[in-house]
Amino acid sequence: LTINNDSNAAAEYARAQTAIAQVDYETAIGHLDKVLAAQPNNPDVLNLMGFSKRKLGDQSEALEYYNKALDLQPNHIGANEYLGELYLELKNVTKAQQRLAVLQQACGNCQEYNELKEKIEKYKATQG
């Protein structure tokens, strides 16, 4: 993460990551809001905000954060994976597969690609 020598934002981002690891998404959002106040166009922060919102069930806000992250950095690996997962939650396999294709271009056979691919395959298996 590039926090541009902003030690405050870096500390808040680290606290947000800790909160996410502890499945405390409300706390994470509080920390991420502080980072976004300083760096509104940081795709890593926007991605984690989208993730936290999605985990709290706020799919429309999550979508906005993921899309903003991808507007800034179209090949952002995390945002593409998580957006694909959100599309599966929204039962839109086609759009999830589009994110998978972007991941394949961006990182080949990386962990994020494989995780999303597996989730898409599981989803399809349960829909038939």
N, C-alpha and C. Protein backbone atom coordinates (compact mmCIF):
# COMPACT_ATOMS: atom_id res chain seq x y z
N LEU A 1 0.85 -1.20 0.00
CA LEU A 1 0.00 0.00 0.00
C LEU A 1 0.88 1.24 0.00
N THR A 2 0.56 2.18 -0.88
CA THR A 2 1.28 3.44 -0.92
C THR A 2 0.49 4.46 -0.13
N ILE A 3 1.00 4.83 1.01
CA ILE A 3 0.31 5.82 1.84
C ILE A 3 1.03 7.17 1.76
N ASN A 4 1.95 7.32 0.84
CA ASN A 4 2.63 8.61 0.59
C ASN A 4 3.18 9.26 1.85
N ASN A 5 3.98 8.51 2.60
CA ASN A 5 4.63 9.04 3.80
C ASN A 5 3.66 9.63 4.80
N ASP A 6 2.43 9.17 4.79
CA ASP A 6 1.43 9.64 5.74
C ASP A 6 1.33 8.59 6.84
N SER A 7 2.08 8.80 7.93
CA SER A 7 2.16 7.77 8.97
C SER A 7 0.81 7.58 9.67
N ASN A 8 0.03 8.65 9.76
CA ASN A 8 -1.31 8.54 10.34
C ASN A 8 -2.19 7.61 9.52
N ALA A 9 -2.23 7.86 8.21
CA ALA A 9 -3.05 7.03 7.33
C ALA A 9 -2.55 5.59 7.34
N ALA A 10 -1.24 5.42 7.35
CA ALA A 10 -0.68 4.06 7.36
C ALA A 10 -1.10 3.32 8.63
N ALA A 11 -1.08 4.01 9.76
CA ALA A 11 -1.48 3.40 11.02
C ALA A 11 -2.96 3.03 11.01
N GLU A 12 -3.79 3.93 10.48
CA GLU A 12 -5.23 3.65 10.40
C GLU A 12 -5.49 2.46 9.47
N TYR A 13 -4.74 2.40 8.37
CA TYR A 13 -4.91 1.30 7.42
C TYR A 13 -4.54 -0.02 8.09
N ALA A 14 -3.44 -0.02 8.84
CA ALA A 14 -3.02 -1.23 9.56
C ALA A 14 -4.08 -1.64 10.57
N ARG A 15 -4.67 -0.66 11.27
CA ARG A 15 -5.74 -0.98 12.24
C ARG A 15 -6.95 -1.57 11.52
N ALA A 16 -7.26 -1.03 10.35
CA ALA A 16 -8.39 -1.56 9.57
C ALA A 16 -8.13 -3.01 9.19
N GLN A 17 -6.90 -3.31 8.74
CA GLN A 17 -6.56 -4.68 8.36
C GLN A 17 -6.69 -5.63 9.55
N THR A 18 -6.26 -5.17 10.72
CA THR A 18 -6.38 -5.98 11.94
C THR A 18 -7.85 -6.23 12.25
N ALA A 19 -8.67 -5.19 12.16
CA ALA A 19 -10.11 -5.33 12.44
C ALA A 19 -10.75 -6.32 11.47
N ILE A 20 -10.36 -6.25 10.18
CA ILE A 20 -10.91 -7.17 9.19
C ILE A 20 -10.50 -8.60 9.53
N ALA A 21 -9.26 -8.79 9.92
CA ALA A 21 -8.78 -10.12 10.30
C ALA A 21 -9.58 -10.66 11.49
N GLN A 22 -10.08 -9.75 12.33
CA GLN A 22 -10.87 -10.14 13.50
C GLN A 22 -12.37 -10.14 13.19
N VAL A 23 -12.72 -10.01 11.93
CA VAL A 23 -14.11 -10.00 11.45
C VAL A 23 -14.92 -8.88 12.11
N ASP A 24 -14.25 -7.76 12.37
CA ASP A 24 -14.91 -6.59 12.96
C ASP A 24 -14.98 -5.51 11.88
N TYR A 25 -15.94 -5.65 10.99
CA TYR A 25 -16.01 -4.79 9.81
C TYR A 25 -16.44 -3.37 10.14
N GLU A 26 -17.27 -3.20 11.17
CA GLU A 26 -17.68 -1.85 11.58
C GLU A 26 -16.46 -1.03 11.98
N THR A 27 -15.60 -1.63 12.81
CA THR A 27 -14.38 -0.94 13.26
C THR A 27 -13.47 -0.66 12.07
N ALA A 28 -13.35 -1.63 11.17
CA ALA A 28 -12.52 -1.45 9.98
C ALA A 28 -12.99 -0.24 9.18
N ILE A 29 -14.29 -0.12 9.00
CA ILE A 29 -14.85 0.99 8.22
C ILE A 29 -14.51 2.34 8.87
N GLY A 30 -14.55 2.39 10.19
CA GLY A 30 -14.17 3.61 10.89
C GLY A 30 -12.74 4.02 10.59
N HIS A 31 -11.83 3.05 10.61
CA HIS A 31 -10.42 3.33 10.29
C HIS A 31 -10.26 3.70 8.82
N LEU A 32 -10.94 2.97 7.94
CA LEU A 32 -10.80 3.23 6.50
C LEU A 32 -11.35 4.59 6.12
N ASP A 33 -12.42 5.02 6.81
CA ASP A 33 -12.96 6.36 6.56
C ASP A 33 -11.88 7.42 6.81
N LYS A 34 -11.09 7.23 7.86
CA LYS A 34 -10.02 8.18 8.18
C LYS A 34 -8.94 8.18 7.10
N VAL A 35 -8.62 6.99 6.58
CA VAL A 35 -7.61 6.91 5.51
C VAL A 35 -8.15 7.57 4.24
N LEU A 36 -9.42 7.29 3.92
CA LEU A 36 -10.01 7.87 2.71
C LEU A 36 -10.14 9.38 2.79
N ALA A 37 -10.28 9.92 4.00
CA ALA A 37 -10.34 11.38 4.16
C ALA A 37 -9.02 11.98 3.68
N ALA A 38 -7.92 11.29 3.94
CA ALA A 38 -6.60 11.78 3.54
C ALA A 38 -6.29 11.37 2.09
N GLN A 39 -6.77 10.20 1.69
CA GLN A 39 -6.44 9.65 0.37
C GLN A 39 -7.69 9.08 -0.30
N PRO A 40 -8.54 9.94 -0.80
CA PRO A 40 -9.81 9.45 -1.37
C PRO A 40 -9.65 8.61 -2.63
N ASN A 41 -8.49 8.70 -3.27
CA ASN A 41 -8.29 7.96 -4.52
C ASN A 41 -7.26 6.85 -4.39
N ASN A 42 -7.24 6.20 -3.24
CA ASN A 42 -6.31 5.09 -3.04
C ASN A 42 -7.06 3.78 -3.29
N PRO A 43 -6.75 3.09 -4.41
CA PRO A 43 -7.52 1.89 -4.75
C PRO A 43 -7.45 0.78 -3.70
N ASP A 44 -6.33 0.66 -2.99
CA ASP A 44 -6.22 -0.38 -1.95
C ASP A 44 -7.21 -0.11 -0.82
N VAL A 45 -7.33 1.16 -0.45
CA VAL A 45 -8.24 1.54 0.63
C VAL A 45 -9.69 1.39 0.17
N LEU A 46 -9.98 1.82 -1.05
CA LEU A 46 -11.33 1.69 -1.60
C LEU A 46 -11.73 0.22 -1.67
N ASN A 47 -10.79 -0.64 -2.05
CA ASN A 47 -11.06 -2.07 -2.13
C ASN A 47 -11.42 -2.65 -0.77
N LEU A 48 -10.63 -2.30 0.26
CA LEU A 48 -10.92 -2.83 1.61
C LEU A 48 -12.25 -2.29 2.14
N MET A 49 -12.57 -1.05 1.78
CA MET A 49 -13.84 -0.48 2.19
C MET A 49 -14.98 -1.25 1.52
N GLY A 50 -14.82 -1.55 0.24
CA GLY A 50 -15.83 -2.34 -0.46
C GLY A 50 -16.00 -3.71 0.19
N PHE A 51 -14.88 -4.33 0.52
CA PHE A 51 -14.90 -5.65 1.16
C PHE A 51 -15.66 -5.58 2.49
N SER A 52 -15.34 -4.57 3.31
CA SER A 52 -15.98 -4.44 4.62
C SER A 52 -17.48 -4.19 4.48
N LYS A 53 -17.85 -3.34 3.55
CA LYS A 53 -19.27 -3.06 3.31
C LYS A 53 -19.99 -4.33 2.85
N ARG A 54 -19.36 -5.07 1.95
CA ARG A 54 -19.97 -6.30 1.44
C ARG A 54 -20.17 -7.31 2.57
N LYS A 55 -19.17 -7.44 3.44
CA LYS A 55 -19.27 -8.40 4.54
C LYS A 55 -20.37 -8.01 5.52
N LEU A 56 -20.71 -6.72 5.57
CA LEU A 56 -21.81 -6.26 6.42
C LEU A 56 -23.15 -6.31 5.68
N GLY A 57 -23.14 -6.79 4.44
CA GLY A 57 -24.37 -6.95 3.69
C GLY A 57 -24.79 -5.75 2.87
N ASP A 58 -23.93 -4.74 2.79
CA ASP A 58 -24.27 -3.53 2.02
C ASP A 58 -23.71 -3.66 0.61
N GLN A 59 -24.42 -4.41 -0.22
CA GLN A 59 -23.90 -4.74 -1.54
C GLN A 59 -23.81 -3.53 -2.46
N SER A 60 -24.78 -2.62 -2.38
CA SER A 60 -24.74 -1.48 -3.32
C SER A 60 -23.57 -0.56 -3.01
N GLU A 61 -23.31 -0.32 -1.73
CA GLU A 61 -22.16 0.52 -1.39
C GLU A 61 -20.85 -0.19 -1.73
N ALA A 62 -20.80 -1.49 -1.48
CA ALA A 62 -19.60 -2.27 -1.82
C ALA A 62 -19.31 -2.12 -3.31
N LEU A 63 -20.34 -2.24 -4.12
CA LEU A 63 -20.19 -2.11 -5.58
C LEU A 63 -19.59 -0.76 -5.95
N GLU A 64 -20.05 0.30 -5.30
CA GLU A 64 -19.53 1.64 -5.58
C GLU A 64 -18.04 1.73 -5.26
N TYR A 65 -17.64 1.18 -4.10
CA TYR A 65 -16.23 1.24 -3.72
C TYR A 65 -15.36 0.41 -4.66
N TYR A 66 -15.81 -0.79 -5.00
CA TYR A 66 -15.02 -1.62 -5.92
C TYR A 66 -14.88 -0.93 -7.28
N ASN A 67 -15.99 -0.38 -7.77
CA ASN A 67 -15.94 0.28 -9.08
C ASN A 67 -15.03 1.50 -9.06
N LYS A 68 -15.04 2.24 -7.96
CA LYS A 68 -14.17 3.41 -7.86
C LYS A 68 -12.70 2.96 -7.85
N ALA A 69 -12.40 1.89 -7.12
CA ALA A 69 -11.04 1.35 -7.09
C ALA A 69 -10.61 0.93 -8.50
N LEU A 70 -11.52 0.28 -9.23
CA LEU A 70 -11.18 -0.21 -10.56
C LEU A 70 -11.14 0.90 -11.60
N ASP A 71 -11.88 1.99 -11.37
CA ASP A 71 -11.76 3.16 -12.26
C ASP A 71 -10.34 3.71 -12.17
N LEU A 72 -9.79 3.70 -10.95
CA LEU A 72 -8.45 4.23 -10.71
C LEU A 72 -7.37 3.25 -11.14
N GLN A 73 -7.62 1.96 -10.97
CA GLN A 73 -6.62 0.93 -11.26
C GLN A 73 -7.35 -0.32 -11.78
N PRO A 74 -7.63 -0.36 -13.09
CA PRO A 74 -8.48 -1.43 -13.66
C PRO A 74 -7.98 -2.85 -13.39
N ASN A 75 -6.68 -3.03 -13.23
CA ASN A 75 -6.16 -4.37 -13.00
C ASN A 75 -5.91 -4.66 -11.52
N HIS A 76 -6.51 -3.89 -10.62
CA HIS A 76 -6.33 -4.11 -9.19
C HIS A 76 -6.80 -5.53 -8.85
N ILE A 77 -5.86 -6.35 -8.39
CA ILE A 77 -6.13 -7.77 -8.24
C ILE A 77 -7.19 -8.03 -7.16
N GLY A 78 -7.04 -7.39 -6.01
CA GLY A 78 -8.00 -7.60 -4.93
C GLY A 78 -9.40 -7.14 -5.29
N ALA A 79 -9.51 -5.96 -5.87
CA ALA A 79 -10.83 -5.42 -6.22
C ALA A 79 -11.51 -6.27 -7.27
N ASN A 80 -10.75 -6.79 -8.23
CA ASN A 80 -11.36 -7.65 -9.23
C ASN A 80 -11.87 -8.95 -8.61
N GLU A 81 -11.08 -9.53 -7.71
CA GLU A 81 -11.53 -10.76 -7.05
C GLU A 81 -12.80 -10.51 -6.24
N TYR A 82 -12.77 -9.48 -5.40
CA TYR A 82 -13.90 -9.22 -4.51
C TYR A 82 -15.14 -8.79 -5.27
N LEU A 83 -14.95 -8.03 -6.34
CA LEU A 83 -16.10 -7.64 -7.16
C LEU A 83 -16.71 -8.87 -7.81
N GLY A 84 -15.86 -9.79 -8.25
CA GLY A 84 -16.37 -11.05 -8.80
C GLY A 84 -17.20 -11.80 -7.76
N GLU A 85 -16.72 -11.83 -6.52
CA GLU A 85 -17.46 -12.49 -5.44
C GLU A 85 -18.80 -11.80 -5.19
N LEU A 86 -18.78 -10.47 -5.23
CA LEU A 86 -20.02 -9.71 -5.06
C LEU A 86 -21.00 -10.05 -6.17
N TYR A 87 -20.51 -10.14 -7.40
CA TYR A 87 -21.41 -10.49 -8.51
C TYR A 87 -22.02 -11.87 -8.31
N LEU A 88 -21.27 -12.81 -7.74
CA LEU A 88 -21.85 -14.12 -7.44
C LEU A 88 -22.96 -13.99 -6.40
N GLU A 89 -22.72 -13.15 -5.38
CA GLU A 89 -23.76 -12.92 -4.37
C GLU A 89 -25.02 -12.33 -5.02
N LEU A 90 -24.80 -11.53 -6.05
CA LEU A 90 -25.92 -10.91 -6.77
C LEU A 90 -26.45 -11.82 -7.88
N LYS A 91 -25.94 -13.05 -7.94
CA LYS A 91 -26.35 -14.07 -8.92
C LYS A 91 -26.08 -13.64 -10.35
N ASN A 92 -25.00 -12.89 -10.56
CA ASN A 92 -24.62 -12.47 -11.91
C ASN A 92 -23.30 -13.16 -12.29
N VAL A 93 -23.43 -14.39 -12.77
CA VAL A 93 -22.25 -15.20 -13.10
C VAL A 93 -21.47 -14.58 -14.26
N THR A 94 -22.18 -14.02 -15.23
CA THR A 94 -21.52 -13.44 -16.40
C THR A 94 -20.54 -12.35 -15.98
N LYS A 95 -20.99 -11.45 -15.09
CA LYS A 95 -20.11 -10.37 -14.65
C LYS A 95 -18.98 -10.90 -13.77
N ALA A 96 -19.26 -11.94 -12.99
CA ALA A 96 -18.19 -12.55 -12.19
C ALA A 96 -17.12 -13.13 -13.11
N GLN A 97 -17.54 -13.75 -14.20
CA GLN A 97 -16.59 -14.34 -15.15
C GLN A 97 -15.79 -13.26 -15.87
N GLN A 98 -16.38 -12.09 -16.07
CA GLN A 98 -15.63 -10.98 -16.66
C GLN A 98 -14.50 -10.56 -15.72
N ARG A 99 -14.75 -10.51 -14.42
CA ARG A 99 -13.71 -10.18 -13.45
C ARG A 99 -12.63 -11.26 -13.45
N LEU A 100 -13.04 -12.52 -13.60
CA LEU A 100 -12.08 -13.62 -13.65
C LEU A 100 -11.16 -13.46 -14.86
N ALA A 101 -11.72 -13.04 -15.98
CA ALA A 101 -10.92 -12.84 -17.20
C ALA A 101 -9.90 -11.72 -16.98
N VAL A 102 -10.30 -10.66 -16.29
CA VAL A 102 -9.37 -9.57 -15.99
C VAL A 102 -8.25 -10.08 -15.10
N LEU A 103 -8.60 -10.89 -14.09
CA LEU A 103 -7.58 -11.45 -13.20
C LEU A 103 -6.61 -12.34 -13.97
N GLN A 104 -7.12 -13.11 -14.90
CA GLN A 104 -6.25 -13.99 -15.68
C GLN A 104 -5.23 -13.16 -16.46
N GLN A 105 -5.68 -12.04 -17.00
CA GLN A 105 -4.77 -11.13 -17.72
C GLN A 105 -3.78 -10.47 -16.75
N ALA A 106 -4.29 -10.07 -15.59
CA ALA A 106 -3.50 -9.26 -14.66
C ALA A 106 -2.46 -10.08 -13.91
N CYS A 107 -2.83 -11.30 -13.53
CA CYS A 107 -1.91 -12.04 -12.66
C CYS A 107 -1.80 -13.52 -13.00
N GLY A 108 -2.38 -13.93 -14.12
CA GLY A 108 -2.23 -15.32 -14.52
C GLY A 108 -2.91 -16.26 -13.55
N ASN A 109 -2.13 -17.22 -13.06
CA ASN A 109 -2.67 -18.27 -12.22
C ASN A 109 -2.47 -17.93 -10.75
N CYS A 110 -2.74 -16.69 -10.37
CA CYS A 110 -2.47 -16.24 -9.01
C CYS A 110 -3.56 -16.73 -8.04
N GLN A 111 -3.31 -16.54 -6.78
CA GLN A 111 -4.23 -17.00 -5.73
C GLN A 111 -5.62 -16.40 -5.90
N GLU A 112 -5.69 -15.09 -6.20
CA GLU A 112 -6.98 -14.42 -6.34
C GLU A 112 -7.77 -14.99 -7.51
N TYR A 113 -7.05 -15.26 -8.62
CA TYR A 113 -7.69 -15.86 -9.79
C TYR A 113 -8.26 -17.23 -9.41
N ASN A 114 -7.44 -18.04 -8.76
CA ASN A 114 -7.87 -19.40 -8.42
C ASN A 114 -9.03 -19.40 -7.43
N GLU A 115 -9.01 -18.48 -6.47
CA GLU A 115 -10.10 -18.41 -5.50
C GLU A 115 -11.41 -18.04 -6.18
N LEU A 116 -11.38 -17.03 -7.04
CA LEU A 116 -12.61 -16.61 -7.72
C LEU A 116 -13.08 -17.72 -8.66
N LYS A 117 -12.14 -18.35 -9.36
CA LYS A 117 -12.50 -19.43 -10.28
C LYS A 117 -13.23 -20.55 -9.54
N GLU A 118 -12.68 -20.91 -8.38
CA GLU A 118 -13.28 -21.97 -7.58
C GLU A 118 -14.69 -21.58 -7.12
N LYS A 119 -14.86 -20.33 -6.70
CA LYS A 119 -16.17 -19.87 -6.24
C LYS A 119 -17.19 -19.85 -7.38
N ILE A 120 -16.74 -19.48 -8.57
CA ILE A 120 -17.64 -19.49 -9.72
C ILE A 120 -18.05 -20.93 -10.04
N GLU A 121 -17.10 -21.85 -10.01
CA GLU A 121 -17.40 -23.26 -10.30
C GLU A 121 -18.37 -23.82 -9.26
N LYS A 122 -18.16 -23.51 -7.99
CA LYS A 122 -19.06 -23.96 -6.92
C LYS A 122 -20.45 -23.39 -7.13
N TYR A 123 -20.49 -22.09 -7.47
CA TYR A 123 -21.78 -21.42 -7.68
C TYR A 123 -22.54 -22.11 -8.80
N LYS A 124 -21.86 -22.36 -9.92
CA LYS A 124 -22.52 -23.00 -11.07
C LYS A 124 -23.01 -24.39 -10.70
N ALA A 125 -22.22 -25.12 -9.91
CA ALA A 125 -22.61 -26.47 -9.51
C ALA A 125 -23.88 -26.47 -8.67
N THR A 126 -24.06 -25.43 -7.86
CA THR A 126 -25.24 -25.39 -6.99
C THR A 126 -26.46 -24.83 -7.73
N GLN A 127 -26.24 -24.18 -8.86
CA GLN A 127 -27.37 -23.59 -9.60
C GLN A 127 -28.03 -24.58 -10.55
N GLY A 128 -27.29 -25.64 -10.93
CA GLY A 128 -27.83 -26.59 -11.89
C GLY A 128 -28.74 -27.57 -11.18
